[in-house]
C-alpha atoms as a PDB file:
ATOM      1  CA  MET A   1       0.007   0.093  -0.036  1.00  0.00           C
ATOM      2  CA  ALA A   2       1.239   3.383  -0.865  1.00  0.00           C
ATOM      3  CA  TRP A   3       3.159   5.260   1.702  1.00  0.00           C
ATOM      4  CA  GLU A   4       0.493   8.242   1.625  1.00  0.00           C
ATOM      5  CA  VAL A   5      -1.950   5.718   3.253  1.00  0.00           C
ATOM      6  CA  VAL A   6       0.410   3.925   5.582  1.00  0.00           C
ATOM      7  CA  ARG A   7       1.380   7.164   7.362  1.00  0.00           C
ATOM      8  CA  TYR A   8      -2.324   7.762   8.232  1.00  0.00           C
ATOM      9  CA  LEU A   9      -3.649   4.132   8.552  1.00  0.00           C
ATOM     10  CA  VAL A  10      -4.380   2.475  11.824  1.00  0.00           C
ATOM     11  CA  GLU A  11      -5.269  -1.282  12.176  1.00  0.00           C
ATOM     12  CA  PRO A  12      -7.694  -1.738  14.902  1.00  0.00           C
ATOM     13  CA  ARG A  13      -8.100  -5.464  14.340  1.00  0.00           C
ATOM     14  CA  GLN A  14      -4.504  -5.972  15.719  1.00  0.00           C
ATOM     15  CA  TRP A  15      -5.143  -3.890  18.685  1.00  0.00           C
ATOM     16  CA  THR A  16      -5.154  -6.264  21.919  1.00  0.00           C
ATOM     17  CA  VAL A  17      -7.011  -3.560  24.038  1.00  0.00           C
ATOM     18  CA  LEU A  18     -10.279  -2.034  23.103  1.00  0.00           C
ATOM     19  CA  PRO A  19     -11.404   0.748  23.127  1.00  0.00           C
ATOM     20  CA  ALA A  20      -8.329   2.619  21.753  1.00  0.00           C
ATOM     21  CA  ASP A  21      -6.432   4.955  23.504  1.00  0.00           C
ATOM     22  CA  TRP A  22      -6.656   7.794  20.905  1.00  0.00           C
ATOM     23  CA  THR A  23      -4.453  10.225  22.776  1.00  0.00           C
ATOM     24  CA  ALA A  24      -1.647   7.821  22.519  1.00  0.00           C
ATOM     25  CA  LEU A  25      -2.324   6.934  18.818  1.00  0.00           C
ATOM     26  CA  PHE A  26      -2.369  10.741  17.913  1.00  0.00           C
ATOM     27  CA  GLY A  27       0.406  11.551  20.362  1.00  0.00           C
ATOM     28  CA  ARG A  28      -1.522  14.480  21.835  1.00  0.00           C
ATOM     29  CA  PRO A  29      -4.727  15.006  23.765  1.00  0.00           C
ATOM     30  CA  ALA A  30      -7.167  16.893  21.527  1.00  0.00           C
ATOM     31  CA  PRO A  31     -10.974  16.880  20.786  1.00  0.00           C
ATOM     32  CA  LEU A  32     -11.980  13.997  18.529  1.00  0.00           C
ATOM     33  CA  ALA A  33     -14.196  14.030  15.503  1.00  0.00           C
ATOM     34  CA  VAL A  34     -15.157  11.137  13.208  1.00  0.00           C
ATOM     35  CA  GLU A  35     -16.282  10.734   9.691  1.00  0.00           C
ATOM     36  CA  ILE A  36     -18.097   7.565   8.611  1.00  0.00           C
ATOM     37  CA  GLY A  37     -17.646   6.777   4.953  1.00  0.00           C
ATOM     38  CA  PHE A  38     -14.984   9.529   3.994  1.00  0.00           C
ATOM     39  CA  GLY A  39     -15.111   8.451   0.285  1.00  0.00           C
ATOM     40  CA  ASN A  40     -12.061  10.254  -1.389  1.00  0.00           C
ATOM     41  CA  GLY A  41     -11.105  12.231   1.644  1.00  0.00           C
ATOM     42  CA  GLU A  42     -12.097  15.706   0.640  1.00  0.00           C
ATOM     43  CA  PHE A  43     -14.158  16.487   3.709  1.00  0.00           C
ATOM     44  CA  LEU A  44     -11.424  15.185   6.093  1.00  0.00           C
ATOM     45  CA  ALA A  45      -8.845  17.017   4.395  1.00  0.00           C
ATOM     46  CA  GLU A  46     -10.519  20.281   4.609  1.00  0.00           C
ATOM     47  CA  LEU A  47     -11.677  19.686   8.205  1.00  0.00           C
ATOM     48  CA  ALA A  48      -8.077  18.911   9.115  1.00  0.00           C
ATOM     49  CA  ARG A  49      -6.927  22.119   7.655  1.00  0.00           C
ATOM     50  CA  GLU A  50      -9.492  24.139   9.472  1.00  0.00           C
ATOM     51  CA  ARG A  51      -9.063  22.466  12.800  1.00  0.00           C
ATOM     52  CA  PRO A  52      -5.346  21.642  13.274  1.00  0.00           C
ATOM     53  CA  HIS A  53      -6.035  21.398  16.960  1.00  0.00           C
ATOM     54  CA  TRP A  54      -8.529  18.468  16.589  1.00  0.00           C
ATOM     55  CA  ASN A  55      -7.922  14.706  16.113  1.00  0.00           C
ATOM     56  CA  LEU A  56     -10.021  13.445  13.230  1.00  0.00           C
ATOM     57  CA  VAL A  57     -10.673   9.832  12.506  1.00  0.00           C
ATOM     58  CA  GLY A  58     -12.231   8.461   9.229  1.00  0.00           C
ATOM     59  CA  PHE A  59     -13.725   4.954   8.580  1.00  0.00           C
ATOM     60  CA  GLU A  60     -14.250   3.404   5.049  1.00  0.00           C
ATOM     61  CA  VAL A  61     -14.524  -0.252   3.832  1.00  0.00           C
ATOM     62  CA  ALA A  62     -13.151   0.301   0.137  1.00  0.00           C
ATOM     63  CA  LEU A  63      -9.371   0.012  -0.509  1.00  0.00           C
ATOM     64  CA  THR A  64      -9.568   2.488  -3.359  1.00  0.00           C
ATOM     65  CA  CYS A  65     -10.979   5.083  -0.970  1.00  0.00           C
ATOM     66  CA  LEU A  66      -8.229   4.496   1.564  1.00  0.00           C
ATOM     67  CA  LYS A  67      -5.595   5.108  -1.095  1.00  0.00           C
ATOM     68  CA  LYS A  68      -7.368   8.218  -2.714  1.00  0.00           C
ATOM     69  CA  ALA A  69      -7.797   9.707   0.766  1.00  0.00           C
ATOM     70  CA  GLY A  70      -4.397   9.025   1.823  1.00  0.00           C
ATOM     71  CA  THR A  71      -3.033  10.796  -1.178  1.00  0.00           C
ATOM     72  CA  ARG A  72      -5.349  13.764  -0.840  1.00  0.00           C
ATOM     73  CA  LEU A  73      -4.207  14.055   3.007  1.00  0.00           C
ATOM     74  CA  ALA A  74      -0.642  13.951   2.264  1.00  0.00           C
ATOM     75  CA  GLN A  75      -0.998  16.628  -0.571  1.00  0.00           C
ATOM     76  CA  ALA A  76      -2.806  18.775   2.039  1.00  0.00           C
ATOM     77  CA  GLY A  77      -0.017  18.338   4.334  1.00  0.00           C
ATOM     78  CA  VAL A  78      -2.165  17.510   7.219  1.00  0.00           C
ATOM     79  CA  GLU A  79      -0.949  15.286  10.014  1.00  0.00           C
ATOM     80  CA  ASN A  80      -4.033  15.158  12.492  1.00  0.00           C
ATOM     81  CA  VAL A  81      -6.061  12.407  10.763  1.00  0.00           C
ATOM     82  CA  ARG A  82      -6.250   8.730  11.062  1.00  0.00           C
ATOM     83  CA  LEU A  83      -7.789   6.316   8.701  1.00  0.00           C
ATOM     84  CA  ALA A  84      -9.102   2.916   9.217  1.00  0.00           C
ATOM     85  CA  ARG A  85     -10.790   0.193   6.860  1.00  0.00           C
ATOM     86  CA  VAL A  86     -13.556  -0.804   9.345  1.00  0.00           C
ATOM     87  CA  ASP A  87     -17.384  -0.724   9.048  1.00  0.00           C
ATOM     88  CA  GLY A  88     -18.292   2.710  10.474  1.00  0.00           C
ATOM     89  CA  LYS A  89     -21.065   1.622  12.840  1.00  0.00           C
ATOM     90  CA  PHE A  90     -19.028  -1.107  14.384  1.00  0.00           C
ATOM     91  CA  ALA A  91     -15.894   1.161  14.703  1.00  0.00           C
ATOM     92  CA  LEU A  92     -17.942   3.951  16.423  1.00  0.00           C
ATOM     93  CA  ARG A  93     -19.185   1.420  18.917  1.00  0.00           C
ATOM     94  CA  GLU A  94     -16.142  -0.592  19.582  1.00  0.00           C
ATOM     95  CA  LEU A  95     -13.142   1.827  19.260  1.00  0.00           C
ATOM     96  CA  PHE A  96     -14.039   4.801  21.457  1.00  0.00           C
ATOM     97  CA  PRO A  97     -14.512   5.276  25.161  1.00  0.00           C
ATOM     98  CA  ALA A  98     -17.974   6.453  26.446  1.00  0.00           C
ATOM     99  CA  GLU A  99     -18.569  10.017  25.871  1.00  0.00           C
ATOM    100  CA  SER A 100     -15.185  10.813  24.211  1.00  0.00           C
ATOM    101  CA  VAL A 101     -16.157  11.960  20.721  1.00  0.00           C
ATOM    102  CA  GLU A 102     -17.248  15.591  20.003  1.00  0.00           C
ATOM    103  CA  GLU A 103     -18.502  15.284  16.557  1.00  0.00           C
ATOM    104  CA  VAL A 104     -19.568  12.591  14.139  1.00  0.00           C
ATOM    105  CA  TYR A 105     -20.031  13.363  10.412  1.00  0.00           C
ATOM    106  CA  LEU A 106     -22.148  11.342   8.022  1.00  0.00           C
ATOM    107  CA  ASN A 107     -22.012  12.851   4.337  1.00  0.00           C
ATOM    108  CA  PHE A 108     -24.385  11.548   1.590  1.00  0.00           C
ATOM    109  CA  PRO A 109     -24.723   7.868   2.853  1.00  0.00           C
ATOM    110  CA  CYS A 110     -26.626   5.605   0.425  1.00  0.00           C
ATOM    111  CA  PRO A 111     -30.173   6.073   1.453  1.00  0.00           C
ATOM    112  CA  TRP A 112     -31.257   2.480   0.289  1.00  0.00           C
ATOM    113  CA  PRO A 113     -34.728   3.636  -0.979  1.00  0.00           C
ATOM    114  CA  LYS A 114     -36.331   0.177  -1.647  1.00  0.00           C
ATOM    115  CA  ALA A 115     -38.346  -1.082   1.370  1.00  0.00           C
ATOM    116  CA  ARG A 116     -36.709  -4.364   1.418  1.00  0.00           C
ATOM    117  CA  HIS A 117     -33.315  -2.738   1.735  1.00  0.00           C
ATOM    118  CA  ALA A 118     -34.346  -0.466   4.682  1.00  0.00           C
ATOM    119  CA  PRO A 119     -32.296  -2.685   7.348  1.00  0.00           C
ATOM    120  CA  ARG A 120     -29.212  -1.332   5.503  1.00  0.00           C
ATOM    121  CA  ARG A 121     -29.647   2.247   6.315  1.00  0.00           C
ATOM    122  CA  LEU A 122     -27.026   3.408   8.568  1.00  0.00           C
ATOM    123  CA  VAL A 123     -29.108   5.690  10.650  1.00  0.00           C
ATOM    124  CA  ASP A 124     -31.187   3.313  12.755  1.00  0.00           C
ATOM    125  CA  ARG A 125     -32.208   2.947  16.428  1.00  0.00           C
ATOM    126  CA  GLU A 126     -29.035   0.924  17.002  1.00  0.00           C
ATOM    127  CA  PHE A 127     -26.767   3.601  15.379  1.00  0.00           C
ATOM    128  CA  VAL A 128     -28.621   6.327  17.524  1.00  0.00           C
ATOM    129  CA  ARG A 129     -28.104   4.314  20.647  1.00  0.00           C
ATOM    130  CA  ILE A 130     -24.288   4.213  19.881  1.00  0.00           C
ATOM    131  CA  LEU A 131     -24.276   7.980  19.069  1.00  0.00           C
ATOM    132  CA  ALA A 132     -25.799   8.569  22.556  1.00  0.00           C
ATOM    133  CA  GLY A 133     -23.170   6.451  24.296  1.00  0.00           C
ATOM    134  CA  VAL A 134     -20.020   7.683  22.421  1.00  0.00           C
ATOM    135  CA  LEU A 135     -20.674  11.365  21.991  1.00  0.00           C
ATOM    136  CA  ALA A 136     -19.486  13.728  24.713  1.00  0.00           C
ATOM    137  CA  PRO A 137     -22.113  15.821  26.586  1.00  0.00           C
ATOM    138  CA  ARG A 138     -23.417  18.335  24.072  1.00  0.00           C
ATOM    139  CA  GLY A 139     -21.649  16.521  21.305  1.00  0.00           C
ATOM    140  CA  LYS A 140     -23.017  16.627  17.788  1.00  0.00           C
ATOM    141  CA  PHE A 141     -23.992  14.450  14.774  1.00  0.00           C
ATOM    142  CA  PHE A 142     -24.248  15.989  11.433  1.00  0.00           C
ATOM    143  CA  LEU A 143     -25.948  14.299   8.488  1.00  0.00           C
ATOM    144  CA  THR A 144     -25.643  15.834   5.032  1.00  0.00           C
ATOM    145  CA  THR A 145     -27.866  14.391   2.215  1.00  0.00           C
ATOM    146  CA  ASP A 146     -29.597  15.087  -1.264  1.00  0.00           C
ATOM    147  CA  VAL A 147     -32.397  12.929  -0.233  1.00  0.00           C
ATOM    148  CA  ASP A 148     -35.035  14.731   1.835  1.00  0.00           C
ATOM    149  CA  TRP A 149     -37.074  11.759   2.974  1.00  0.00           C
ATOM    150  CA  TYR A 150     -33.793  10.147   4.164  1.00  0.00           C
ATOM    151  CA  ALA A 151     -33.101  13.115   6.338  1.00  0.00           C
ATOM    152  CA  GLN A 152     -36.520  13.223   7.666  1.00  0.00           C
ATOM    153  CA  ASN A 153     -36.426   9.572   8.530  1.00  0.00           C
ATOM    154  CA  ALA A 154     -33.078   9.893  10.303  1.00  0.00           C
ATOM    155  CA  ALA A 155     -34.800  12.932  12.206  1.00  0.00           C
ATOM    156  CA  GLN A 156     -37.633  10.892  13.238  1.00  0.00           C
ATOM    157  CA  VAL A 157     -35.255   8.093  14.807  1.00  0.00           C
ATOM    158  CA  LEU A 158     -33.291  10.618  16.605  1.00  0.00           C
ATOM    159  CA  ARG A 159     -36.354  12.184  18.058  1.00  0.00           C
ATOM    160  CA  GLU A 160     -37.752   8.882  19.151  1.00  0.00           C
ATOM    161  CA  ASP A 161     -34.459   8.257  21.099  1.00  0.00           C
ATOM    162  CA  GLY A 162     -35.060  11.347  23.262  1.00  0.00           C
ATOM    163  CA  GLY A 163     -31.450  11.964  23.792  1.00  0.00           C
ATOM    164  CA  PHE A 164     -31.011  14.682  21.164  1.00  0.00           C
ATOM    165  CA  SER A 165     -31.873  18.254  20.440  1.00  0.00           C
ATOM    166  CA  LEU A 166     -32.521  18.558  16.641  1.00  0.00           C
ATOM    167  CA  ARG A 167     -31.832  21.489  14.182  1.00  0.00           C
ATOM    168  CA  GLY A 168     -33.369  20.516  10.784  1.00  0.00           C
ATOM    169  CA  PRO A 169     -33.449  19.009   8.304  1.00  0.00           C
ATOM    170  CA  ARG A 170     -33.092  22.344   6.492  1.00  0.00           C
ATOM    171  CA  PRO A 171     -31.935  22.999   3.036  1.00  0.00           C
ATOM    172  CA  LEU A 172     -28.297  23.883   2.828  1.00  0.00           C
ATOM    173  CA  GLY A 173     -27.719  26.777   0.457  1.00  0.00           C
ATOM    174  CA  GLU A 174     -23.753  26.657   0.950  1.00  0.00           C
ATOM    175  CA  GLY A 175     -21.274  25.671   3.318  1.00  0.00           C
ATOM    176  CA  GLY A 176     -21.550  21.853   2.671  1.00  0.00           C
ATOM    177  CA  PRO A 177     -18.877  19.144   3.066  1.00  0.00           C
ATOM    178  CA  GLY A 178     -17.416  19.951  -0.240  1.00  0.00           C
ATOM    179  CA  THR A 179     -17.236  16.463  -1.518  1.00  0.00           C
ATOM    180  CA  ARG A 180     -17.581  15.276  -5.217  1.00  0.00           C
ATOM    181  CA  TYR A 181     -21.125  13.976  -4.551  1.00  0.00           C
ATOM    182  CA  GLU A 182     -22.238  17.619  -3.321  1.00  0.00           C
ATOM    183  CA  ARG A 183     -20.677  19.001  -6.468  1.00  0.00           C
ATOM    184  CA  LYS A 184     -22.371  16.657  -8.647  1.00  0.00           C
ATOM    185  CA  TRP A 185     -25.878  17.132  -6.967  1.00  0.00           C
ATOM    186  CA  ARG A 186     -25.628  20.709  -7.216  1.00  0.00           C
ATOM    187  CA  ARG A 187     -24.641  20.799 -10.884  1.00  0.00           C
ATOM    188  CA  GLU A 188     -27.824  18.780 -11.352  1.00  0.00           C
ATOM    189  CA  GLY A 189     -29.806  21.266  -9.354  1.00  0.00           C
ATOM    190  CA  ARG A 190     -30.553  18.941  -6.435  1.00  0.00           C
ATOM    191  CA  PRO A 191     -31.185  20.541  -3.098  1.00  0.00           C
ATOM    192  CA  ILE A 192     -28.894  19.456  -0.227  1.00  0.00           C
ATOM    193  CA  PHE A 193     -30.228  18.968   3.261  1.00  0.00           C
ATOM    194  CA  ARG A 194     -28.319  19.250   6.666  1.00  0.00           C
ATOM    195  CA  LEU A 195     -29.605  17.663   9.948  1.00  0.00           C
ATOM    196  CA  GLU A 196     -27.840  18.516  13.270  1.00  0.00           C
ATOM    197  CA  ALA A 197     -28.485  16.565  16.367  1.00  0.00           C
ATOM    198  CA  GLU A 198     -26.981  17.628  19.699  1.00  0.00           C
ATOM    199  CA  LYS A 199     -26.692  15.057  22.579  1.00  0.00           C
ATOM    200  CA  VAL A 200     -28.650  16.282  25.645  1.00  0.00           C
ATOM    201  CA  ALA A 201     -29.046  13.048  27.589  1.00  0.00           C
ATOM    202  CA  GLY A 202     -26.630  10.241  28.322  1.00  0.00           C
ATOM    203  CA  ARG A 203     -26.834   6.589  27.598  1.00  0.00           C
ATOM    204  CA  GLU A 204     -24.953   3.642  28.764  1.00  0.00           C
ATOM    205  CA  HIS A 205     -22.121   2.735  26.040  1.00  0.00           C
ATOM    206  CA  VAL A 206     -22.023  -1.103  25.482  1.00  0.00           C
ATOM    207  CA  ARG A 207     -19.373  -2.741  23.513  1.00  0.00           C
ATOM    208  CA  ILE A 208     -19.190  -6.421  22.316  1.00  0.00           C
ATOM    209  CA  ALA A 209     -15.540  -6.764  21.075  1.00  0.00           C
ATOM    210  CA  GLU A 210     -13.675  -6.985  24.358  1.00  0.00           C
ATOM    211  CA  GLY A 211     -11.797  -9.605  26.558  1.00  0.00           C
ATOM    212  CA  GLU A 212      -9.340 -12.212  25.656  1.00  0.00           C
ATOM    213  CA  MET A 213      -9.622 -14.405  22.502  1.00  0.00           C
ATOM    214  CA  PRO A 214     -10.142 -18.131  23.731  1.00  0.00           C
ATOM    215  CA  HIS A 215      -7.795 -20.816  22.757  1.00  0.00           C
ATOM    216  CA  VAL A 216      -9.071 -24.248  23.822  1.00  0.00           C
ATOM    217  CA  LYS A 217      -6.902 -27.227  24.683  1.00  0.00           C
ATOM    218  CA  LEU A 218      -8.190 -30.545  23.605  1.00  0.00           C
ATOM    219  CA  THR A 219      -7.842 -33.675  25.497  1.00  0.00           C
ATOM    220  CA  GLN A 220      -7.590 -36.032  22.531  1.00  0.00           C
ATOM    221  CA  GLN A 221      -6.003 -36.603  19.270  1.00  0.00           C
ATOM    222  CA  VAL A 222      -7.525 -35.063  16.052  1.00  0.00           C
ATOM    223  CA  ARG A 223      -7.688 -36.708  12.682  1.00  0.00           C
ATOM    224  CA  LYS A 224      -8.034 -35.131   9.243  1.00  0.00           C
ATOM    225  CA  GLU A 225     -11.495 -36.501   8.761  1.00  0.00           C
ATOM    226  CA  GLU A 226     -12.729 -34.898  12.018  1.00  0.00           C
ATOM    227  CA  VAL A 227     -11.488 -31.570  10.797  1.00  0.00           C
ATOM    228  CA  GLU A 228     -13.053 -31.981   7.387  1.00  0.00           C
ATOM    229  CA  ALA A 229     -16.355 -32.936   8.930  1.00  0.00           C
ATOM    230  CA  LEU A 230     -16.739 -29.610  10.590  1.00  0.00           C
ATOM    231  CA  VAL A 231     -17.620 -27.999   7.233  1.00  0.00           C
ATOM    232  CA  GLY A 232     -21.285 -26.786   7.597  1.00  0.00           C
ATOM    233  CA  LEU A 233     -21.140 -26.496  11.399  1.00  0.00           C
ATOM    234  CA  LYS A 234     -23.144 -23.522  12.211  1.00  0.00           C
ATOM    235  CA  GLU A 235     -24.990 -21.686  15.085  1.00  0.00           C
ATOM    236  CA  SER A 236     -27.287 -18.724  15.280  1.00  0.00           C
ATOM    237  CA  TRP A 237     -28.743 -16.708  18.311  1.00  0.00           C
ATOM    238  CA  PRO A 238     -30.361 -13.482  18.615  1.00  0.00           C
ATOM    239  CA  GLY A 239     -27.766 -10.826  17.253  1.00  0.00           C
ATOM    240  CA  GLY A 240     -25.214 -13.248  16.035  1.00  0.00           C
ATOM    241  CA  ALA A 241     -24.217 -16.457  14.003  1.00  0.00           C
ATOM    242  CA  PHE A 242     -21.148 -18.432  12.541  1.00  0.00           C
ATOM    243  CA  VAL A 243     -20.783 -21.002  10.027  1.00  0.00           C
ATOM    244  CA  VAL A 244     -17.804 -23.139   9.042  1.00  0.00           C
ATOM    245  CA  LYS A 245     -17.368 -22.803   5.269  1.00  0.00           C
ATOM    246  CA  GLY A 246     -14.052 -24.709   4.491  1.00  0.00           C
ATOM    247  CA  ALA A 247     -11.540 -26.931   5.977  1.00  0.00           C
ATOM    248  CA  TYR A 248      -8.016 -27.735   4.954  1.00  0.00           C
ATOM    249  CA  TRP A 249      -5.340 -30.198   6.299  1.00  0.00           C
ATOM    250  CA  ASN A 250      -1.662 -29.895   6.467  1.00  0.00           C
ATOM    251  CA  PRO A 251      -0.047 -32.742   4.599  1.00  0.00           C
ATOM    252  CA  ALA A 252       2.429 -33.104   7.410  1.00  0.00           C
ATOM    253  CA  GLY A 253      -0.653 -34.059   9.475  1.00  0.00           C
ATOM    254  CA  GLU A 254      -0.021 -31.569  12.303  1.00  0.00           C
ATOM    255  CA  GLU A 255      -2.574 -28.857  11.628  1.00  0.00           C
ATOM    256  CA  GLY A 256      -6.032 -28.224  10.241  1.00  0.00           C
ATOM    257  CA  LEU A 257      -7.385 -24.879   9.145  1.00  0.00           C
ATOM    258  CA  LEU A 258     -10.880 -23.836   9.076  1.00  0.00           C
ATOM    259  CA  ARG A 259     -12.599 -21.025   7.130  1.00  0.00           C
ATOM    260  CA  VAL A 260     -15.245 -19.254   9.188  1.00  0.00           C
ATOM    261  CA  PHE A 261     -17.968 -16.741   8.577  1.00  0.00           C
ATOM    262  CA  ALA A 262     -19.289 -14.776  11.613  1.00  0.00           C
ATOM    263  CA  THR A 263     -21.646 -12.019  12.004  1.00  0.00           C
ATOM    264  CA  ASP A 264     -22.463  -9.697  15.174  1.00  0.00           C
ATOM    265  CA  GLN A 265     -25.533  -7.493  15.127  1.00  0.00           C
ATOM    266  CA  GLY A 266     -24.922  -7.256  11.270  1.00  0.00           C
ATOM    267  CA  PHE A 267     -21.120  -6.890  11.364  1.00  0.00           C
ATOM    268  CA  GLN A 268     -19.633  -9.497   9.245  1.00  0.00           C
ATOM    269  CA  GLN A 269     -16.028 -11.204   9.369  1.00  0.00           C
ATOM    270  CA  GLN A 270     -14.301 -13.873   7.807  1.00  0.00           C
ATOM    271  CA  TYR A 271     -11.242 -15.573   9.531  1.00  0.00           C
ATOM    272  CA  PHE A 272      -9.477 -18.777   9.938  1.00  0.00           C
ATOM    273  CA  LEU A 273      -9.309 -21.094  13.158  1.00  0.00           C
ATOM    274  CA  ALA A 274      -6.408 -23.437  13.436  1.00  0.00           C
ATOM    275  CA  VAL A 275      -6.475 -26.993  14.883  1.00  0.00           C
ATOM    276  CA  VAL A 276      -2.989 -27.552  15.810  1.00  0.00           C
ATOM    277  CA  ARG A 277      -0.666 -30.067  17.689  1.00  0.00           C
ATOM    278  CA  GLY A 278       1.869 -28.568  19.934  1.00  0.00           C
ATOM    279  CA  ALA A 279       4.057 -29.704  22.697  1.00  0.00           C
ATOM    280  CA  GLY A 280       1.155 -29.906  25.265  1.00  0.00           C
ATOM    281  CA  GLY A 281      -1.303 -31.506  22.855  1.00  0.00           C
ATOM    282  CA  TRP A 282      -3.946 -30.272  20.404  1.00  0.00           C
ATOM    283  CA  MET A 283      -5.647 -27.077  20.612  1.00  0.00           C
ATOM    284  CA  VAL A 284      -8.168 -24.826  18.713  1.00  0.00           C
ATOM    285  CA  LYS A 285      -7.030 -21.315  18.243  1.00  0.00           C
ATOM    286  CA  LEU A 286      -7.286 -18.140  16.067  1.00  0.00           C
ATOM    287  CA  ASP A 287      -5.039 -18.529  13.059  1.00  0.00           C
ATOM    288  CA  GLY A 288      -2.369 -15.744  12.802  1.00  0.00           C
ATOM    289  CA  ALA A 289      -3.105 -15.154   9.155  1.00  0.00           C
ATOM    290  CA  THR A 290      -6.364 -13.236   9.867  1.00  0.00           C
ATOM    291  CA  VAL A 291      -7.075 -11.040  12.883  1.00  0.00           C
ATOM    292  CA  PRO A 292     -10.771 -10.469  13.330  1.00  0.00           C
ATOM    293  CA  PHE A 293     -12.178  -8.433  16.169  1.00  0.00           C
ATOM    294  CA  ARG A 294     -12.883 -10.485  19.345  1.00  0.00           C
ATOM    295  CA  THR A 295     -16.551 -10.530  18.896  1.00  0.00           C
ATOM    296  CA  PRO A 296     -19.153 -12.930  20.695  1.00  0.00           C
ATOM    297  CA  ALA A 297     -19.441 -14.823  17.552  1.00  0.00           C
ATOM    298  CA  VAL A 298     -15.724 -15.359  16.867  1.00  0.00           C
ATOM    299  CA  LYS A 299     -15.298 -16.501  20.354  1.00  0.00           C
ATOM    300  CA  ARG A 300     -18.137 -18.820  20.306  1.00  0.00           C
ATOM    301  CA  SER A 301     -16.917 -20.461  17.108  1.00  0.00           C
ATOM    302  CA  VAL A 302     -13.661 -21.380  18.798  1.00  0.00           C
ATOM    303  CA  VAL A 303     -15.500 -22.820  21.889  1.00  0.00           C
ATOM    304  CA  GLN A 304     -18.002 -24.858  19.579  1.00  0.00           C
ATOM    305  CA  VAL A 305     -15.374 -26.274  17.191  1.00  0.00           C
ATOM    306  CA  ALA A 306     -13.484 -27.567  20.187  1.00  0.00           C
ATOM    307  CA  ALA A 307     -16.651 -28.980  21.632  1.00  0.00           C
ATOM    308  CA  VAL A 308     -17.266 -30.933  18.370  1.00  0.00           C
ATOM    309  CA  LEU A 309     -13.743 -32.367  18.295  1.00  0.00           C
ATOM    310  CA  GLU A 310     -14.108 -33.458  21.732  1.00  0.00           C
ATOM    311  CA  GLY A 311     -17.266 -35.232  20.972  1.00  0.00           C
ATOM    312  CA  ARG A 312     -19.586 -32.938  22.727  1.00  0.00           C
ATOM    313  CA  LYS A 313     -22.716 -31.579  21.186  1.00  0.00           C
ATOM    314  CA  PRO A 314     -22.364 -27.839  20.354  1.00  0.00           C
END
């Protein structure tokens, strides 16, 4: 990955302690602002220039966006930004201490207009609960969109929570985030809407990706056939699930590898579990080639794979 990205990039999956110590990561204490879905980085770069005394964090899932944003930040000569390739809703909940973020920005999110796609919309009750927990007292959430009904829907969800004072949605004549989407929509004559929500009541901030990753020691030998038979092992519960999608065996006969998919409250991860033989016997553990967040589904998959190999029902 290009140096422009590396100098700004952080890798939360490699952190052994959550939430993060952002003061240590930036090397200074400063107010925190977060952008979810930073795209090409135009807004982050401009905000970083305007607020050199703030620490800014951006989340995206597309590699191309990381590269473009890193290049833009480097060209702007700013140093007060960190980027991460993580789902924004998950990151906001898991990576920040309670009441530690001053501002959260969401610029031109996909509105998912079809009814069957409504669960994919970012601003829902869960997102608002996360905002209420992570925002500092009087902290603010800013939504900018070209879709009036989406802004109205977001405002309704925020009102129902009861922890926010709202301003808007209102048409935004100028002073928008300055992204390429804004420029495109304005050229097409579309109105731009801004919703501002200020936190006025607190809420408990609950994270799910904490604690140690379990490594389970087995009391018996493991055979190739037993590892291969794990394909299709799955479990689901309210809010989470995992399934074993593939199994591989080392020709030397000392290690099996399982490819697993897991989901926690809609946050999906793919990773490998290793079934290995060491000096103290066989064990099931997270393989070092992949580093998922330590969510309940990931932990549960380790425990259940070990249970099956020990001959116990999952």
